[in-house]
PDB file of all heavy atoms in Angstrom:
ATOM      1  N   THR A   1      36.207-116.828 -24.402  1.00  0.00           N
ATOM      2  CA  THR A   1      35.273-116.090 -23.542  1.00  0.00           C
ATOM      3  C   THR A   1      34.993-114.704 -24.105  1.00  0.00           C
ATOM      4  O   THR A   1      33.854-114.230 -24.092  1.00  0.00           O
ATOM      5  CB  THR A   1      35.830-115.991 -22.118  1.00  0.00           C
ATOM      6  OG1 THR A   1      35.970-117.310 -21.572  1.00  0.00           O
ATOM      7  CG2 THR A   1      34.922-115.172 -21.219  1.00  0.00           C
ATOM      8  N   ALA A   2      36.025-114.047 -24.618  1.00  0.00           N
ATOM      9  CA  ALA A   2      35.840-112.709 -25.191  1.00  0.00           C
ATOM     10  C   ALA A   2      34.859-112.747 -26.349  1.00  0.00           C
ATOM     11  O   ALA A   2      33.985-111.872 -26.475  1.00  0.00           O
ATOM     12  CB  ALA A   2      37.188-112.144 -25.648  1.00  0.00           C
ATOM     13  N   PHE A   3      34.963-113.762 -27.202  1.00  0.00           N
ATOM     14  CA  PHE A   3      34.062-113.844 -28.345  1.00  0.00           C
ATOM     15  C   PHE A   3      32.639-114.194 -27.904  1.00  0.00           C
ATOM     16  O   PHE A   3      31.665-113.665 -28.444  1.00  0.00           O
ATOM     17  CB  PHE A   3      34.566-114.864 -29.363  1.00  0.00           C
ATOM     18  CG  PHE A   3      33.772-114.862 -30.644  1.00  0.00           C
ATOM     19  CD1 PHE A   3      33.859-113.800 -31.521  1.00  0.00           C
ATOM     20  CD2 PHE A   3      32.929-115.913 -30.955  1.00  0.00           C
ATOM     21  CE1 PHE A   3      33.102-113.777 -32.694  1.00  0.00           C
ATOM     22  CE2 PHE A   3      32.181-115.911 -32.122  1.00  0.00           C
ATOM     23  CZ  PHE A   3      32.268-114.833 -33.003  1.00  0.00           C
ATOM     24  N   PHE A   4      32.512-115.072 -26.908  1.00  0.00           N
ATOM     25  CA  PHE A   4      31.175-115.394 -26.392  1.00  0.00           C
ATOM     26  C   PHE A   4      30.517-114.136 -25.827  1.00  0.00           C
ATOM     27  O   PHE A   4      29.327-113.887 -26.075  1.00  0.00           O
ATOM     28  CB  PHE A   4      31.266-116.473 -25.310  1.00  0.00           C
ATOM     29  CG  PHE A   4      29.929-116.912 -24.782  1.00  0.00           C
ATOM     30  CD1 PHE A   4      29.192-117.890 -25.442  1.00  0.00           C
ATOM     31  CD2 PHE A   4      29.384-116.340 -23.643  1.00  0.00           C
ATOM     32  CE1 PHE A   4      27.949-118.288 -24.970  1.00  0.00           C
ATOM     33  CE2 PHE A   4      28.142-116.733 -23.161  1.00  0.00           C
ATOM     34  CZ  PHE A   4      27.423-117.714 -23.832  1.00  0.00           C
ATOM     35  N   LEU A   5      31.264-113.341 -25.078  1.00  0.00           N
ATOM     36  CA  LEU A   5      30.715-112.094 -24.544  1.00  0.00           C
ATOM     37  C   LEU A   5      30.376-111.126 -25.672  1.00  0.00           C
ATOM     38  O   LEU A   5      29.374-110.408 -25.617  1.00  0.00           O
ATOM     39  CB  LEU A   5      31.691-111.459 -23.563  1.00  0.00           C
ATOM     40  CG  LEU A   5      31.953-112.234 -22.267  1.00  0.00           C
ATOM     41  CD1 LEU A   5      32.979-111.503 -21.404  1.00  0.00           C
ATOM     42  CD2 LEU A   5      30.670-112.468 -21.480  1.00  0.00           C
ATOM     43  N   HIS A   6      31.204-111.096 -26.697  1.00  0.00           N
ATOM     44  CA  HIS A   6      30.920-110.251 -27.866  1.00  0.00           C
ATOM     45  C   HIS A   6      29.565-110.610 -28.475  1.00  0.00           C
ATOM     46  O   HIS A   6      28.797-109.727 -28.884  1.00  0.00           O
ATOM     47  CB  HIS A   6      32.030-110.407 -28.898  1.00  0.00           C
ATOM     48  CG  HIS A   6      31.654-109.954 -30.275  1.00  0.00           C
ATOM     49  ND1 HIS A   6      31.572-108.632 -30.633  1.00  0.00           N
ATOM     50  CD2 HIS A   6      31.296-110.676 -31.386  1.00  0.00           C
ATOM     51  CE1 HIS A   6      31.200-108.537 -31.906  1.00  0.00           C
ATOM     52  NE2 HIS A   6      31.020-109.754 -32.387  1.00  0.00           N
ATOM     53  N   LEU A   7      29.262-111.905 -28.537  1.00  0.00           N
ATOM     54  CA  LEU A   7      28.015-112.356 -29.141  1.00  0.00           C
ATOM     55  C   LEU A   7      26.804-112.089 -28.263  1.00  0.00           C
ATOM     56  O   LEU A   7      25.694-111.915 -28.778  1.00  0.00           O
ATOM     57  CB  LEU A   7      28.076-113.857 -29.432  1.00  0.00           C
ATOM     58  CG  LEU A   7      28.998-114.340 -30.553  1.00  0.00           C
ATOM     59  CD1 LEU A   7      28.956-115.859 -30.638  1.00  0.00           C
ATOM     60  CD2 LEU A   7      28.626-113.721 -31.895  1.00  0.00           C
ATOM     61  N   THR A   8      26.997-112.062 -26.947  1.00  0.00           N
ATOM     62  CA  THR A   8      25.851-112.085 -26.031  1.00  0.00           C
ATOM     63  C   THR A   8      25.688-110.842 -25.158  1.00  0.00           C
ATOM     64  O   THR A   8      24.678-110.726 -24.465  1.00  0.00           O
ATOM     65  CB  THR A   8      25.929-113.311 -25.105  1.00  0.00           C
ATOM     66  OG1 THR A   8      27.169-113.271 -24.366  1.00  0.00           O
ATOM     67  CG2 THR A   8      25.880-114.607 -25.900  1.00  0.00           C
ATOM     68  N   ILE A   9      26.645-109.927 -25.186  1.00  0.00           N
ATOM     69  CA  ILE A   9      26.570-108.726 -24.342  1.00  0.00           C
ATOM     70  C   ILE A   9      26.536-107.486 -25.219  1.00  0.00           C
ATOM     71  O   ILE A   9      27.395-107.294 -26.076  1.00  0.00           O
ATOM     72  CB  ILE A   9      27.778-108.635 -23.378  1.00  0.00           C
ATOM     73  CG1 ILE A   9      27.864-109.856 -22.479  1.00  0.00           C
ATOM     74  CG2 ILE A   9      27.705-107.347 -22.568  1.00  0.00           C
ATOM     75  CD1 ILE A   9      26.693-110.024 -21.527  1.00  0.00           C
ATOM     76  N   ASP A  10      25.540-106.644 -24.992  1.00  0.00           N
ATOM     77  CA  ASP A  10      25.436-105.384 -25.720  1.00  0.00           C
ATOM     78  C   ASP A  10      25.200-104.270 -24.710  1.00  0.00           C
ATOM     79  O   ASP A  10      24.111-104.133 -24.158  1.00  0.00           O
ATOM     80  CB  ASP A  10      24.284-105.451 -26.730  1.00  0.00           C
ATOM     81  CG  ASP A  10      24.237-104.221 -27.625  1.00  0.00           C
ATOM     82  OD1 ASP A  10      25.244-103.495 -27.672  1.00  0.00           O
ATOM     83  OD2 ASP A  10      23.200-103.994 -28.276  1.00  0.00           O
ATOM     84  N   THR A  11      26.230-103.530 -24.426  1.00  0.00           N
ATOM     85  CA  THR A  11      26.146-102.434 -23.461  1.00  0.00           C
ATOM     86  C   THR A  11      27.112-101.331 -23.890  1.00  0.00           C
ATOM     87  O   THR A  11      28.180-101.614 -24.436  1.00  0.00           O
ATOM     88  CB  THR A  11      26.507-102.916 -22.041  1.00  0.00           C
ATOM     89  OG1 THR A  11      26.511-101.785 -21.154  1.00  0.00           O
ATOM     90  CG2 THR A  11      27.869-103.579 -21.984  1.00  0.00           C
ATOM     91  N   PRO A  12      26.756-100.077 -23.655  1.00  0.00           N
ATOM     92  CA  PRO A  12      27.710 -99.001 -23.945  1.00  0.00           C
ATOM     93  C   PRO A  12      28.855 -98.948 -22.941  1.00  0.00           C
ATOM     94  O   PRO A  12      29.895 -98.331 -23.212  1.00  0.00           O
ATOM     95  CB  PRO A  12      26.846 -97.746 -23.861  1.00  0.00           C
ATOM     96  CG  PRO A  12      25.717 -98.126 -22.950  1.00  0.00           C
ATOM     97  CD  PRO A  12      25.451 -99.568 -23.232  1.00  0.00           C
ATOM     98  N   LYS A  13      28.689 -99.595 -21.794  1.00  0.00           N
ATOM     99  CA  LYS A  13      29.719 -99.547 -20.763  1.00  0.00           C
ATOM    100  C   LYS A  13      30.921-100.422 -21.148  1.00  0.00           C
ATOM    101  O   LYS A  13      30.752-101.467 -21.780  1.00  0.00           O
ATOM    102  CB  LYS A  13      29.148-100.022 -19.425  1.00  0.00           C
ATOM    103  CG  LYS A  13      28.031 -99.141 -18.885  1.00  0.00           C
ATOM    104  CD  LYS A  13      27.466 -99.679 -17.586  1.00  0.00           C
ATOM    105  CE  LYS A  13      26.338 -98.810 -17.060  1.00  0.00           C
ATOM    106  NZ  LYS A  13      25.765 -99.324 -15.794  1.00  0.00           N
ATOM    107  N   PRO A  14      32.128-100.024 -20.753  1.00  0.00           N
ATOM    108  CA  PRO A  14      33.302-100.845 -21.063  1.00  0.00           C
ATOM    109  C   PRO A  14      33.252-102.202 -20.366  1.00  0.00           C
ATOM    110  O   PRO A  14      32.951-102.295 -19.165  1.00  0.00           O
ATOM    111  CB  PRO A  14      34.469-100.010 -20.523  1.00  0.00           C
ATOM    112  CG  PRO A  14      33.942 -98.612 -20.429  1.00  0.00           C
ATOM    113  CD  PRO A  14      32.486 -98.752 -20.107  1.00  0.00           C
ATOM    114  N   VAL A  15      33.515-103.249 -21.128  1.00  0.00           N
ATOM    115  CA  VAL A  15      33.685-104.600 -20.603  1.00  0.00           C
ATOM    116  C   VAL A  15      35.073-105.056 -21.047  1.00  0.00           C
ATOM    117  O   VAL A  15      35.322-105.218 -22.236  1.00  0.00           O
ATOM    118  CB  VAL A  15      32.606-105.566 -21.123  1.00  0.00           C
ATOM    119  CG1 VAL A  15      32.868-106.979 -20.621  1.00  0.00           C
ATOM    120  CG2 VAL A  15      31.212-105.095 -20.711  1.00  0.00           C
ATOM    121  N   VAL A  16      35.981-105.230 -20.094  1.00  0.00           N
ATOM    122  CA  VAL A  16      37.395-105.440 -20.393  1.00  0.00           C
ATOM    123  C   VAL A  16      37.878-106.760 -19.808  1.00  0.00           C
ATOM    124  O   VAL A  16      37.733-106.997 -18.605  1.00  0.00           O
ATOM    125  CB  VAL A  16      38.250-104.285 -19.828  1.00  0.00           C
ATOM    126  CG1 VAL A  16      39.719-104.478 -20.198  1.00  0.00           C
ATOM    127  CG2 VAL A  16      37.742-102.937 -20.329  1.00  0.00           C
ATOM    128  N   LEU A  17      38.444-107.618 -20.646  1.00  0.00           N
ATOM    129  CA  LEU A  17      39.099-108.840 -20.164  1.00  0.00           C
ATOM    130  C   LEU A  17      40.604-108.612 -20.117  1.00  0.00           C
ATOM    131  O   LEU A  17      41.178-107.944 -20.994  1.00  0.00           O
ATOM    132  CB  LEU A  17      38.799-110.024 -21.081  1.00  0.00           C
ATOM    133  CG  LEU A  17      37.391-110.597 -20.994  1.00  0.00           C
ATOM    134  CD1 LEU A  17      36.492-109.952 -22.045  1.00  0.00           C
ATOM    135  CD2 LEU A  17      37.387-112.110 -21.180  1.00  0.00           C
ATOM    136  N   VAL A  18      41.227-109.183 -19.086  1.00  0.00           N
ATOM    137  CA  VAL A  18      42.665-109.016 -18.915  1.00  0.00           C
ATOM    138  C   VAL A  18      43.248-110.290 -18.326  1.00  0.00           C
ATOM    139  O   VAL A  18      42.600-110.990 -17.554  1.00  0.00           O
ATOM    140  CB  VAL A  18      42.975-107.795 -18.009  1.00  0.00           C
ATOM    141  CG1 VAL A  18      42.399-107.979 -16.608  1.00  0.00           C
ATOM    142  CG2 VAL A  18      44.472-107.518 -17.938  1.00  0.00           C
ATOM    143  N   GLY A  19      44.475-110.596 -18.716  1.00  0.00           N
ATOM    144  CA  GLY A  19      45.171-111.761 -18.186  1.00  0.00           C
ATOM    145  C   GLY A  19      46.657-111.482 -18.073  1.00  0.00           C
ATOM    146  O   GLY A  19      47.094-110.323 -18.111  1.00  0.00           O
ATOM    147  N   ALA A  20      47.421-112.533 -17.938  1.00  0.00           N
ATOM    148  CA  ALA A  20      48.878-112.404 -17.832  1.00  0.00           C
ATOM    149  C   ALA A  20      49.519-113.633 -18.449  1.00  0.00           C
ATOM    150  O   ALA A  20      48.923-114.720 -18.467  1.00  0.00           O
ATOM    151  CB  ALA A  20      49.310-112.249 -16.380  1.00  0.00           C
ATOM    152  N   MET A  21      50.726-113.457 -18.925  1.00  0.00           N
ATOM    153  CA  MET A  21      51.484-114.569 -19.493  1.00  0.00           C
ATOM    154  C   MET A  21      52.505-115.123 -18.508  1.00  0.00           C
ATOM    155  O   MET A  21      53.069-116.190 -18.726  1.00  0.00           O
ATOM    156  CB  MET A  21      52.188-114.115 -20.775  1.00  0.00           C
ATOM    157  CG  MET A  21      51.249-113.796 -21.920  1.00  0.00           C
ATOM    158  SD  MET A  21      50.205-115.199 -22.389  1.00  0.00           S
ATOM    159  CE  MET A  21      51.464-116.367 -22.899  1.00  0.00           C
ATOM    160  N   ARG A  22      52.749-114.396 -17.438  1.00  0.00           N
ATOM    161  CA  ARG A  22      53.711-114.846 -16.431  1.00  0.00           C
ATOM    162  C   ARG A  22      53.072-114.790 -15.051  1.00  0.00           C
ATOM    163  O   ARG A  22      52.296-113.873 -14.765  1.00  0.00           O
ATOM    164  CB  ARG A  22      54.978-113.981 -16.472  1.00  0.00           C
ATOM    165  CG  ARG A  22      55.759-114.148 -17.775  1.00  0.00           C
ATOM    166  CD  ARG A  22      56.922-113.192 -17.887  1.00  0.00           C
ATOM    167  NE  ARG A  22      57.650-113.418 -19.122  1.00  0.00           N
ATOM    168  CZ  ARG A  22      58.604-112.630 -19.599  1.00  0.00           C
ATOM    169  NH1 ARG A  22      58.933-111.522 -18.919  1.00  0.00           N
ATOM    170  NH2 ARG A  22      59.213-112.914 -20.737  1.00  0.00           N
ATOM    171  N   PRO A  23      53.386-115.754 -14.189  1.00  0.00           N
ATOM    172  CA  PRO A  23      52.766-115.781 -12.865  1.00  0.00           C
ATOM    173  C   PRO A  23      53.210-114.607 -11.998  1.00  0.00           C
ATOM    174  O   PRO A  23      54.235-113.965 -12.267  1.00  0.00           O
ATOM    175  CB  PRO A  23      53.243-117.112 -12.287  1.00  0.00           C
ATOM    176  CG  PRO A  23      54.546-117.376 -12.980  1.00  0.00           C
ATOM    177  CD  PRO A  23      54.358-116.852 -14.376  1.00  0.00           C
ATOM    178  N   ALA A  24      52.444-114.352 -10.953  1.00  0.00           N
ATOM    179  CA  ALA A  24      52.738-113.228 -10.066  1.00  0.00           C
ATOM    180  C   ALA A  24      54.078-113.377  -9.363  1.00  0.00           C
ATOM    181  O   ALA A  24      54.676-112.394  -8.925  1.00  0.00           O
ATOM    182  CB  ALA A  24      51.619-113.077  -9.039  1.00  0.00           C
ATOM    183  N   SER A  25      54.568-114.619  -9.243  1.00  0.00           N
ATOM    184  CA  SER A  25      55.831-114.869  -8.552  1.00  0.00           C
ATOM    185  C   SER A  25      57.049-114.595  -9.418  1.00  0.00           C
ATOM    186  O   SER A  25      58.181-114.569  -8.918  1.00  0.00           O
ATOM    187  CB  SER A  25      55.870-116.334  -8.078  1.00  0.00           C
ATOM    188  OG  SER A  25      55.614-117.213  -9.172  1.00  0.00           O
ATOM    189  N   ALA A  26      56.875-114.380 -10.715  1.00  0.00           N
ATOM    190  CA  ALA A  26      58.009-114.155 -11.615  1.00  0.00           C
ATOM    191  C   ALA A  26      58.595-112.766 -11.407  1.00  0.00           C
ATOM    192  O   ALA A  26      57.872-111.814 -11.112  1.00  0.00           O
ATOM    193  CB  ALA A  26      57.560-114.320 -13.058  1.00  0.00           C
ATOM    194  N   PRO A  27      59.901-112.615 -11.561  1.00  0.00           N
ATOM    195  CA  PRO A  27      60.512-111.294 -11.395  1.00  0.00           C
ATOM    196  C   PRO A  27      60.055-110.302 -12.460  1.00  0.00           C
ATOM    197  O   PRO A  27      60.171-109.097 -12.273  1.00  0.00           O
ATOM    198  CB  PRO A  27      62.021-111.580 -11.500  1.00  0.00           C
ATOM    199  CG  PRO A  27      62.119-112.891 -12.204  1.00  0.00           C
ATOM    200  CD  PRO A  27      60.912-113.676 -11.821  1.00  0.00           C
ATOM    201  N   SER A  28      59.547-110.795 -13.571  1.00  0.00           N
ATOM    202  CA  SER A  28      59.065-109.920 -14.640  1.00  0.00           C
ATOM    203  C   SER A  28      57.574-110.134 -14.891  1.00  0.00           C
ATOM    204  O   SER A  28      57.113-110.121 -16.030  1.00  0.00           O
ATOM    205  CB  SER A  28      59.847-110.192 -15.929  1.00  0.00           C
ATOM    206  OG  SER A  28      59.770-111.580 -16.266  1.00  0.00           O
ATOM    207  N   ALA A  29      56.812-110.331 -13.824  1.00  0.00           N
ATOM    208  CA  ALA A  29      55.373-110.595 -13.947  1.00  0.00           C
ATOM    209  C   ALA A  29      54.679-109.450 -14.689  1.00  0.00           C
ATOM    210  O   ALA A  29      54.897-108.280 -14.388  1.00  0.00           O
ATOM    211  CB  ALA A  29      54.765-110.781 -12.566  1.00  0.00           C
ATOM    212  N   ASP A  30      53.849-109.806 -15.664  1.00  0.00           N
ATOM    213  CA  ASP A  30      53.137-108.800 -16.445  1.00  0.00           C
ATOM    214  C   ASP A  30      51.717-108.542 -15.937  1.00  0.00           C
ATOM    215  O   ASP A  30      51.079-107.585 -16.348  1.00  0.00           O
ATOM    216  CB  ASP A  30      53.090-109.203 -17.925  1.00  0.00           C
ATOM    217  CG  ASP A  30      52.478-110.595 -18.136  1.00  0.00           C
ATOM    218  OD1 ASP A  30      52.684-111.471 -17.282  1.00  0.00           O
ATOM    219  OD2 ASP A  30      51.820-110.807 -19.165  1.00  0.00           O
ATOM    220  N   GLY A  31      51.252-109.374 -15.006  1.00  0.00           N
ATOM    221  CA  GLY A  31      49.893-109.244 -14.514  1.00  0.00           C
ATOM    222  C   GLY A  31      49.562-107.910 -13.861  1.00  0.00           C
ATOM    223  O   GLY A  31      48.521-107.304 -14.172  1.00  0.00           O
ATOM    224  N   PRO A  32      50.402-107.412 -12.934  1.00  0.00           N
ATOM    225  CA  PRO A  32      50.056-106.155 -12.257  1.00  0.00           C
ATOM    226  C   PRO A  32      49.843-104.984 -13.210  1.00  0.00           C
ATOM    227  O   PRO A  32      48.854-104.251 -13.085  1.00  0.00           O
ATOM    228  CB  PRO A  32      51.257-105.925 -11.332  1.00  0.00           C
ATOM    229  CG  PRO A  32      51.752-107.310 -11.039  1.00  0.00           C
ATOM    230  CD  PRO A  32      51.584-108.060 -12.313  1.00  0.00           C
ATOM    231  N   LEU A  33      50.753-104.790 -14.170  1.00  0.00           N
ATOM    232  CA  LEU A  33      50.580-103.679 -15.109  1.00  0.00           C
ATOM    233  C   LEU A  33      49.396-103.923 -16.040  1.00  0.00           C
ATOM    234  O   LEU A  33      48.650-102.995 -16.371  1.00  0.00           O
ATOM    235  CB  LEU A  33      51.852-103.461 -15.923  1.00  0.00           C
ATOM    236  CG  LEU A  33      51.819-102.273 -16.908  1.00  0.00           C
ATOM    237  CD1 LEU A  33      51.484-100.970 -16.188  1.00  0.00           C
ATOM    238  CD2 LEU A  33      53.140-102.151 -17.664  1.00  0.00           C
ATOM    239  N   ASN A  34      49.221-105.176 -16.469  1.00  0.00           N
ATOM    240  CA  ASN A  34      48.069-105.469 -17.320  1.00  0.00           C
ATOM    241  C   ASN A  34      46.757-105.123 -16.603  1.00  0.00           C
ATOM    242  O   ASN A  34      45.859-104.515 -17.187  1.00  0.00           O
ATOM    243  CB  ASN A  34      48.060-106.946 -17.715  1.00  0.00           C
ATOM    244  CG  ASN A  34      49.049-107.265 -18.818  1.00  0.00           C
ATOM    245  OD1 ASN A  34      49.616-106.377 -19.444  1.00  0.00           O
ATOM    246  ND2 ASN A  34      49.264-108.546 -19.057  1.00  0.00           N
ATOM    247  N   LEU A  35      46.655-105.508 -15.339  1.00  0.00           N
ATOM    248  CA  LEU A  35      45.436-105.226 -14.583  1.00  0.00           C
ATOM    249  C   LEU A  35      45.275-103.725 -14.354  1.00  0.00           C
ATOM    250  O   LEU A  35      44.165-103.178 -14.470  1.00  0.00           O
ATOM    251  CB  LEU A  35      45.450-105.970 -13.251  1.00  0.00           C
ATOM    252  CG  LEU A  35      44.227-105.771 -12.342  1.00  0.00           C
ATOM    253  CD1 LEU A  35      42.931-106.042 -13.090  1.00  0.00           C
ATOM    254  CD2 LEU A  35      44.328-106.645 -11.103  1.00  0.00           C
ATOM    255  N   LEU A  36      46.366-103.054 -14.033  1.00  0.00           N
ATOM    256  CA  LEU A  36      46.310-101.601 -13.851  1.00  0.00           C
ATOM    257  C   LEU A  36      45.803-100.929 -15.127  1.00  0.00           C
ATOM    258  O   LEU A  36      44.941-100.041 -15.087  1.00  0.00           O
ATOM    259  CB  LEU A  36      47.708-101.088 -13.494  1.00  0.00           C
ATOM    260  CG  LEU A  36      47.837 -99.711 -12.848  1.00  0.00           C
ATOM    261  CD1 LEU A  36      47.110 -99.668 -11.514  1.00  0.00           C
ATOM    262  CD2 LEU A  36      49.303 -99.349 -12.662  1.00  0.00           C
ATOM    263  N   ASN A  37      46.334-101.366 -16.270  1.00  0.00           N
ATOM    264  CA  ASN A  37      45.903-100.791 -17.550  1.00  0.00           C
ATOM    265  C   ASN A  37      44.447-101.126 -17.866  1.00  0.00           C
ATOM    266  O   ASN A  37      43.720-100.303 -18.433  1.00  0.00           O
ATOM    267  CB  ASN A  37      46.809-101.277 -18.680  1.00  0.00           C
ATOM    268  CG  ASN A  37      48.159-100.591 -18.687  1.00  0.00           C
ATOM    269  OD1 ASN A  37      48.314 -99.522 -18.098  1.00  0.00           O
ATOM    270  ND2 ASN A  37      49.137-101.187 -19.335  1.00  0.00           N
TER     271      ASN A  37
END
């Protein structure tokens, strides 16, 4: 998806994709900090 957007979107505004490797239920979930960042 990131590469498709790279090919088809041209804007000076930030376009940021974010995900997580661990679910929200995990004691060490990385999603909240990734989204905050």
